[in-house]
């Protein structure tokens, strides 16, 4: 499974698999589904997982 981020902008739905590719401004977050690796997790994976909540909040601030 890969990351799946769907945004709506000007009536169009666009899917991204790389968080950094999402435009700086858009209309709405439709789907936010980061890939979570299977357990057990390394500390590095835990650190990445812990960042996803903040990344969603940041995306929501970029909505028009």
PDB file of N, CA and C in Angstrom:
ATOM      1  N   UNK A   1       0.853  -1.189   0.000  1.00  0.00           N
ATOM      2  CA  UNK A   1       0.000   0.000   0.000  1.00  0.00           C
ATOM      3  C   UNK A   1       0.888   1.237   0.000  1.00  0.00           C
ATOM      4  N   UNK A   2       0.510   2.230  -0.748  1.00  0.00           N
ATOM      5  CA  UNK A   2       1.218   3.507  -0.782  1.00  0.00           C
ATOM      6  C   UNK A   2       0.342   4.564  -0.131  1.00  0.00           C
ATOM      7  N   UNK A   3       0.941   5.700   0.176  1.00  0.00           N
ATOM      8  CA  UNK A   3       0.155   6.821   0.681  1.00  0.00           C
ATOM      9  C   UNK A   3      -0.921   7.165  -0.343  1.00  0.00           C
ATOM     10  N   UNK A   4      -2.061   7.645   0.139  1.00  0.00           N
ATOM     11  CA  UNK A   4      -3.120   8.116  -0.756  1.00  0.00           C
ATOM     12  C   UNK A   4      -3.728   9.380  -0.176  1.00  0.00           C
ATOM     13  N   UNK A   5      -3.511  10.472  -0.883  1.00  0.00           N
ATOM     14  CA  UNK A   5      -4.051  11.766  -0.487  1.00  0.00           C
ATOM     15  C   UNK A   5      -4.869  12.284  -1.657  1.00  0.00           C
ATOM     16  N   UNK A   6      -6.153  12.561  -1.417  1.00  0.00           N
ATOM     17  CA  UNK A   6      -7.022  13.075  -2.467  1.00  0.00           C
ATOM     18  C   UNK A   6      -7.466  14.471  -2.072  1.00  0.00           C
ATOM     19  N   UNK A   7      -7.277  15.401  -2.989  1.00  0.00           N
ATOM     20  CA  UNK A   7      -7.732  16.766  -2.743  1.00  0.00           C
ATOM     21  C   UNK A   7      -8.707  17.164  -3.842  1.00  0.00           C
ATOM     22  N   UNK A   8      -9.559  18.119  -3.511  1.00  0.00           N
ATOM     23  CA  UNK A   8     -10.484  18.684  -4.487  1.00  0.00           C
ATOM     24  C   UNK A   8     -10.047  20.116  -4.726  1.00  0.00           C
ATOM     25  N   UNK A   9      -9.902  20.465  -5.991  1.00  0.00           N
ATOM     26  CA  UNK A   9      -9.522  21.821  -6.347  1.00  0.00           C
ATOM     27  C   UNK A   9     -10.251  22.207  -7.622  1.00  0.00           C
ATOM     28  N   UNK A  10     -11.026  23.272  -7.534  1.00  0.00           N
ATOM     29  CA  UNK A  10     -11.783  23.791  -8.678  1.00  0.00           C
ATOM     30  C   UNK A  10     -12.653  22.703  -9.304  1.00  0.00           C
ATOM     31  N   UNK A  11     -13.262  21.873  -8.464  1.00  0.00           N
ATOM     32  CA  UNK A  11     -14.180  20.843  -8.927  1.00  0.00           C
ATOM     33  C   UNK A  11     -13.519  19.545  -9.361  1.00  0.00           C
ATOM     34  N   UNK A  12     -12.204  19.493  -9.364  1.00  0.00           N
ATOM     35  CA  UNK A  12     -11.482  18.289  -9.789  1.00  0.00           C
ATOM     36  C   UNK A  12     -10.876  17.560  -8.596  1.00  0.00           C
ATOM     37  N   UNK A  13     -10.960  16.232  -8.606  1.00  0.00           N
ATOM     38  CA  UNK A  13     -10.317  15.414  -7.586  1.00  0.00           C
ATOM     39  C   UNK A  13      -8.970  14.946  -8.133  1.00  0.00           C
ATOM     40  N   UNK A  14      -7.934  15.106  -7.325  1.00  0.00           N
ATOM     41  CA  UNK A  14      -6.595  14.681  -7.716  1.00  0.00           C
ATOM     42  C   UNK A  14      -6.013  13.836  -6.600  1.00  0.00           C
ATOM     43  N   UNK A  15      -5.405  12.713  -6.976  1.00  0.00           N
ATOM     44  CA  UNK A  15      -4.793  11.798  -6.019  1.00  0.00           C
ATOM     45  C   UNK A  15      -3.284  11.985  -6.037  1.00  0.00           C
ATOM     46  N   UNK A  16      -2.710  12.038  -4.848  1.00  0.00           N
ATOM     47  CA  UNK A  16      -1.256  12.146  -4.686  1.00  0.00           C
ATOM     48  C   UNK A  16      -0.784  10.976  -3.835  1.00  0.00           C
ATOM     49  N   UNK A  17       0.401  10.495  -4.123  1.00  0.00           N
ATOM     50  CA  UNK A  17       1.019   9.459  -3.295  1.00  0.00           C
ATOM     51  C   UNK A  17       2.216  10.011  -2.538  1.00  0.00           C
ATOM     52  N   UNK A  18       2.587  11.240  -2.847  1.00  0.00           N
ATOM     53  CA  UNK A  18       3.692  11.903  -2.165  1.00  0.00           C
ATOM     54  C   UNK A  18       3.150  13.172  -1.517  1.00  0.00           C
ATOM     55  N   UNK A  19       3.232  13.264  -0.214  1.00  0.00           N
ATOM     56  CA  UNK A  19       2.700  14.409   0.525  1.00  0.00           C
ATOM     57  C   UNK A  19       3.270  15.729   0.006  1.00  0.00           C
ATOM     58  N   UNK A  20       4.539  15.742  -0.312  1.00  0.00           N
ATOM     59  CA  UNK A  20       5.205  16.970  -0.752  1.00  0.00           C
ATOM     60  C   UNK A  20       4.699  17.469  -2.107  1.00  0.00           C
ATOM     61  N   UNK A  21       4.026  16.635  -2.878  1.00  0.00           N
ATOM     62  CA  UNK A  21       3.507  17.035  -4.185  1.00  0.00           C
ATOM     63  C   UNK A  21       2.170  17.769  -4.104  1.00  0.00           C
ATOM     64  N   UNK A  22       1.540  17.768  -2.945  1.00  0.00           N
ATOM     65  CA  UNK A  22       0.231  18.405  -2.794  1.00  0.00           C
ATOM     66  C   UNK A  22       0.404  19.919  -2.928  1.00  0.00           C
ATOM     67  N   UNK A  23      -0.452  20.573  -3.733  1.00  0.00           N
ATOM     68  CA  UNK A  23      -0.318  22.028  -3.931  1.00  0.00           C
ATOM     69  C   UNK A  23      -0.423  22.807  -2.617  1.00  0.00           C
ATOM     70  N   UNK A  24       0.123  23.992  -2.625  1.00  0.00           N
ATOM     71  CA  UNK A  24       0.107  24.851  -1.429  1.00  0.00           C
ATOM     72  C   UNK A  24      -1.291  25.347  -1.099  1.00  0.00           C
ATOM     73  N   UNK A  25      -2.152  25.493  -2.100  1.00  0.00           N
ATOM     74  CA  UNK A  25      -3.527  25.968  -1.897  1.00  0.00           C
ATOM     75  C   UNK A  25      -4.460  25.105  -2.738  1.00  0.00           C
ATOM     76  N   UNK A  26      -5.582  24.722  -2.156  1.00  0.00           N
ATOM     77  CA  UNK A  26      -6.588  23.907  -2.840  1.00  0.00           C
ATOM     78  C   UNK A  26      -7.889  24.075  -2.097  1.00  0.00           C
ATOM     79  N   UNK A  27      -8.964  23.467  -2.603  1.00  0.00           N
ATOM     80  CA  UNK A  27     -10.282  23.668  -1.984  1.00  0.00           C
ATOM     81  C   UNK A  27     -10.506  22.800  -0.748  1.00  0.00           C
ATOM     82  N   UNK A  28     -10.330  21.480  -0.863  1.00  0.00           N
ATOM     83  CA  UNK A  28     -10.649  20.598   0.261  1.00  0.00           C
ATOM     84  C   UNK A  28      -9.783  19.339   0.273  1.00  0.00           C
ATOM     85  N   UNK A  29      -9.493  18.859   1.470  1.00  0.00           N
ATOM     86  CA  UNK A  29      -8.906  17.524   1.634  1.00  0.00           C
ATOM     87  C   UNK A  29     -10.074  16.540   1.582  1.00  0.00           C
ATOM     88  N   UNK A  30     -10.010  15.573   0.701  1.00  0.00           N
ATOM     89  CA  UNK A  30     -11.070  14.575   0.576  1.00  0.00           C
ATOM     90  C   UNK A  30     -10.660  13.278   1.275  1.00  0.00           C
ATOM     91  N   UNK A  31      -9.419  12.864   1.080  1.00  0.00           N
ATOM     92  CA  UNK A  31      -8.940  11.625   1.686  1.00  0.00           C
ATOM     93  C   UNK A  31      -7.493  11.811   2.123  1.00  0.00           C
ATOM     94  N   UNK A  32      -7.212  11.380   3.343  1.00  0.00           N
ATOM     95  CA  UNK A  32      -5.861  11.462   3.893  1.00  0.00           C
ATOM     96  C   UNK A  32      -5.538  10.088   4.455  1.00  0.00           C
ATOM     97  N   UNK A  33      -4.783   9.304   3.702  1.00  0.00           N
ATOM     98  CA  UNK A  33      -4.503   7.936   4.092  1.00  0.00           C
ATOM     99  C   UNK A  33      -3.007   7.639   3.938  1.00  0.00           C
ATOM    100  N   UNK A  34      -2.219   8.024   4.954  1.00  0.00           N
ATOM    101  CA  UNK A  34      -0.798   7.694   4.892  1.00  0.00           C
ATOM    102  C   UNK A  34      -0.585   6.201   5.110  1.00  0.00           C
ATOM    103  N   UNK A  35       0.443   5.677   4.504  1.00  0.00           N
ATOM    104  CA  UNK A  35       0.772   4.265   4.675  1.00  0.00           C
ATOM    105  C   UNK A  35       1.411   4.063   6.045  1.00  0.00           C
ATOM    106  N   UNK A  36       0.860   3.136   6.805  1.00  0.00           N
ATOM    107  CA  UNK A  36       1.415   2.770   8.104  1.00  0.00           C
ATOM    108  C   UNK A  36       2.006   1.374   7.956  1.00  0.00           C
ATOM    109  N   UNK A  37       3.306   1.244   8.175  1.00  0.00           N
ATOM    110  CA  UNK A  37       3.926  -0.078   8.006  1.00  0.00           C
ATOM    111  C   UNK A  37       3.424  -1.070   9.056  1.00  0.00           C
ATOM    112  N   UNK A  38       3.479  -2.351   8.753  1.00  0.00           N
ATOM    113  CA  UNK A  38       3.031  -3.354   9.730  1.00  0.00           C
ATOM    114  C   UNK A  38       3.950  -3.371  10.960  1.00  0.00           C
ATOM    115  N   UNK A  39       3.369  -3.779  12.066  1.00  0.00           N
ATOM    116  CA  UNK A  39       4.146  -3.887  13.307  1.00  0.00           C
ATOM    117  C   UNK A  39       5.060  -5.101  13.249  1.00  0.00           C
ATOM    118  N   UNK A  40       6.099  -5.128  13.998  1.00  0.00           N
ATOM    119  CA  UNK A  40       6.557  -4.113  14.954  1.00  0.00           C
ATOM    120  C   UNK A  40       7.224  -2.946  14.228  1.00  0.00           C
ATOM    121  N   UNK A  41       7.100  -1.754  14.809  1.00  0.00           N
ATOM    122  CA  UNK A  41       7.663  -0.551  14.211  1.00  0.00           C
ATOM    123  C   UNK A  41       9.020  -0.233  14.824  1.00  0.00           C
ATOM    124  N   UNK A  42       9.886   0.291  13.973  1.00  0.00           N
ATOM    125  CA  UNK A  42      11.160   0.809  14.465  1.00  0.00           C
ATOM    126  C   UNK A  42      10.897   2.187  15.075  1.00  0.00           C
ATOM    127  N   UNK A  43      11.862   2.718  15.768  1.00  0.00           N
ATOM    128  CA  UNK A  43      11.715   4.059  16.332  1.00  0.00           C
ATOM    129  C   UNK A  43      11.551   5.081  15.209  1.00  0.00           C
ATOM    130  N   UNK A  44      12.256   4.897  14.119  1.00  0.00           N
ATOM    131  CA  UNK A  44      12.133   5.798  12.972  1.00  0.00           C
ATOM    132  C   UNK A  44      10.708   5.774  12.418  1.00  0.00           C
ATOM    133  N   UNK A  45      10.115   4.591  12.325  1.00  0.00           N
ATOM    134  CA  UNK A  45       8.734   4.485  11.847  1.00  0.00           C
ATOM    135  C   UNK A  45       7.766   5.140  12.826  1.00  0.00           C
ATOM    136  N   UNK A  46       7.985   4.968  14.116  1.00  0.00           N
ATOM    137  CA  UNK A  46       7.135   5.631  15.116  1.00  0.00           C
ATOM    138  C   UNK A  46       7.217   7.145  14.962  1.00  0.00           C
ATOM    139  N   UNK A  47       8.412   7.649  14.746  1.00  0.00           N
ATOM    140  CA  UNK A  47       8.590   9.092  14.589  1.00  0.00           C
ATOM    141  C   UNK A  47       7.826   9.600  13.368  1.00  0.00           C
ATOM    142  N   UNK A  48       7.866   8.850  12.275  1.00  0.00           N
ATOM    143  CA  UNK A  48       7.132   9.250  11.073  1.00  0.00           C
ATOM    144  C   UNK A  48       5.623   9.176  11.310  1.00  0.00           C
ATOM    145  N   UNK A  49       5.158   8.107  11.906  1.00  0.00           N
ATOM    146  CA  UNK A  49       3.728   7.937  12.192  1.00  0.00           C
ATOM    147  C   UNK A  49       3.220   9.088  13.057  1.00  0.00           C
ATOM    148  N   UNK A  50       4.013   9.484  14.030  1.00  0.00           N
ATOM    149  CA  UNK A  50       3.622  10.564  14.940  1.00  0.00           C
ATOM    150  C   UNK A  50       3.467  11.901  14.231  1.00  0.00           C
ATOM    151  N   UNK A  51       4.070  12.079  13.071  1.00  0.00           N
ATOM    152  CA  UNK A  51       3.999  13.341  12.337  1.00  0.00           C
ATOM    153  C   UNK A  51       2.742  13.474  11.488  1.00  0.00           C
ATOM    154  N   UNK A  52       2.063  12.368  11.195  1.00  0.00           N
ATOM    155  CA  UNK A  52       0.943  12.426  10.251  1.00  0.00           C
ATOM    156  C   UNK A  52      -0.225  13.269  10.742  1.00  0.00           C
ATOM    157  N   UNK A  53      -0.513  13.262  12.033  1.00  0.00           N
ATOM    158  CA  UNK A  53      -1.613  14.081  12.543  1.00  0.00           C
ATOM    159  C   UNK A  53      -1.341  15.562  12.288  1.00  0.00           C
ATOM    160  N   UNK A  54      -0.130  15.986  12.558  1.00  0.00           N
ATOM    161  CA  UNK A  54       0.244  17.380  12.328  1.00  0.00           C
ATOM    162  C   UNK A  54       0.202  17.713  10.836  1.00  0.00           C
ATOM    163  N   UNK A  55       0.633  16.776   9.994  1.00  0.00           N
ATOM    164  CA  UNK A  55       0.608  17.021   8.549  1.00  0.00           C
ATOM    165  C   UNK A  55      -0.824  17.193   8.042  1.00  0.00           C
ATOM    166  N   UNK A  56      -1.764  16.424   8.578  1.00  0.00           N
ATOM    167  CA  UNK A  56      -3.166  16.606   8.199  1.00  0.00           C
ATOM    168  C   UNK A  56      -3.656  17.987   8.620  1.00  0.00           C
ATOM    169  N   UNK A  57      -3.332  18.400   9.826  1.00  0.00           N
ATOM    170  CA  UNK A  57      -3.740  19.726  10.299  1.00  0.00           C
ATOM    171  C   UNK A  57      -3.157  20.819   9.417  1.00  0.00           C
ATOM    172  N   UNK A  58      -1.903  20.654   8.990  1.00  0.00           N
ATOM    173  CA  UNK A  58      -1.281  21.636   8.105  1.00  0.00           C
ATOM    174  C   UNK A  58      -1.992  21.705   6.754  1.00  0.00           C
ATOM    175  N   UNK A  59      -2.368  20.533   6.230  1.00  0.00           N
ATOM    176  CA  UNK A  59      -3.112  20.509   4.957  1.00  0.00           C
ATOM    177  C   UNK A  59      -4.441  21.255   5.094  1.00  0.00           C
ATOM    178  N   UNK A  60      -5.121  21.036   6.198  1.00  0.00           N
ATOM    179  CA  UNK A  60      -6.426  21.667   6.397  1.00  0.00           C
ATOM    180  C   UNK A  60      -6.293  23.186   6.464  1.00  0.00           C
ATOM    181  N   UNK A  61      -5.175  23.685   6.939  1.00  0.00           N
ATOM    182  CA  UNK A  61      -4.941  25.143   6.973  1.00  0.00           C
ATOM    183  C   UNK A  61      -4.720  25.700   5.566  1.00  0.00           C
ATOM    184  N   UNK A  62      -4.323  24.838   4.630  1.00  0.00           N
ATOM    185  CA  UNK A  62      -4.059  25.287   3.272  1.00  0.00           C
ATOM    186  C   UNK A  62      -5.313  25.289   2.394  1.00  0.00           C
ATOM    187  N   UNK A  63      -6.427  24.797   2.938  1.00  0.00           N
ATOM    188  CA  UNK A  63      -7.684  24.813   2.181  1.00  0.00           C
ATOM    189  C   UNK A  63      -8.150  26.260   1.996  1.00  0.00           C
ATOM    190  N   UNK A  64      -8.765  26.529   0.846  1.00  0.00           N
ATOM    191  CA  UNK A  64      -9.315  27.866   0.593  1.00  0.00           C
ATOM    192  C   UNK A  64     -10.493  28.134   1.485  1.00  0.00           C
TER     193      UNK A  64
END
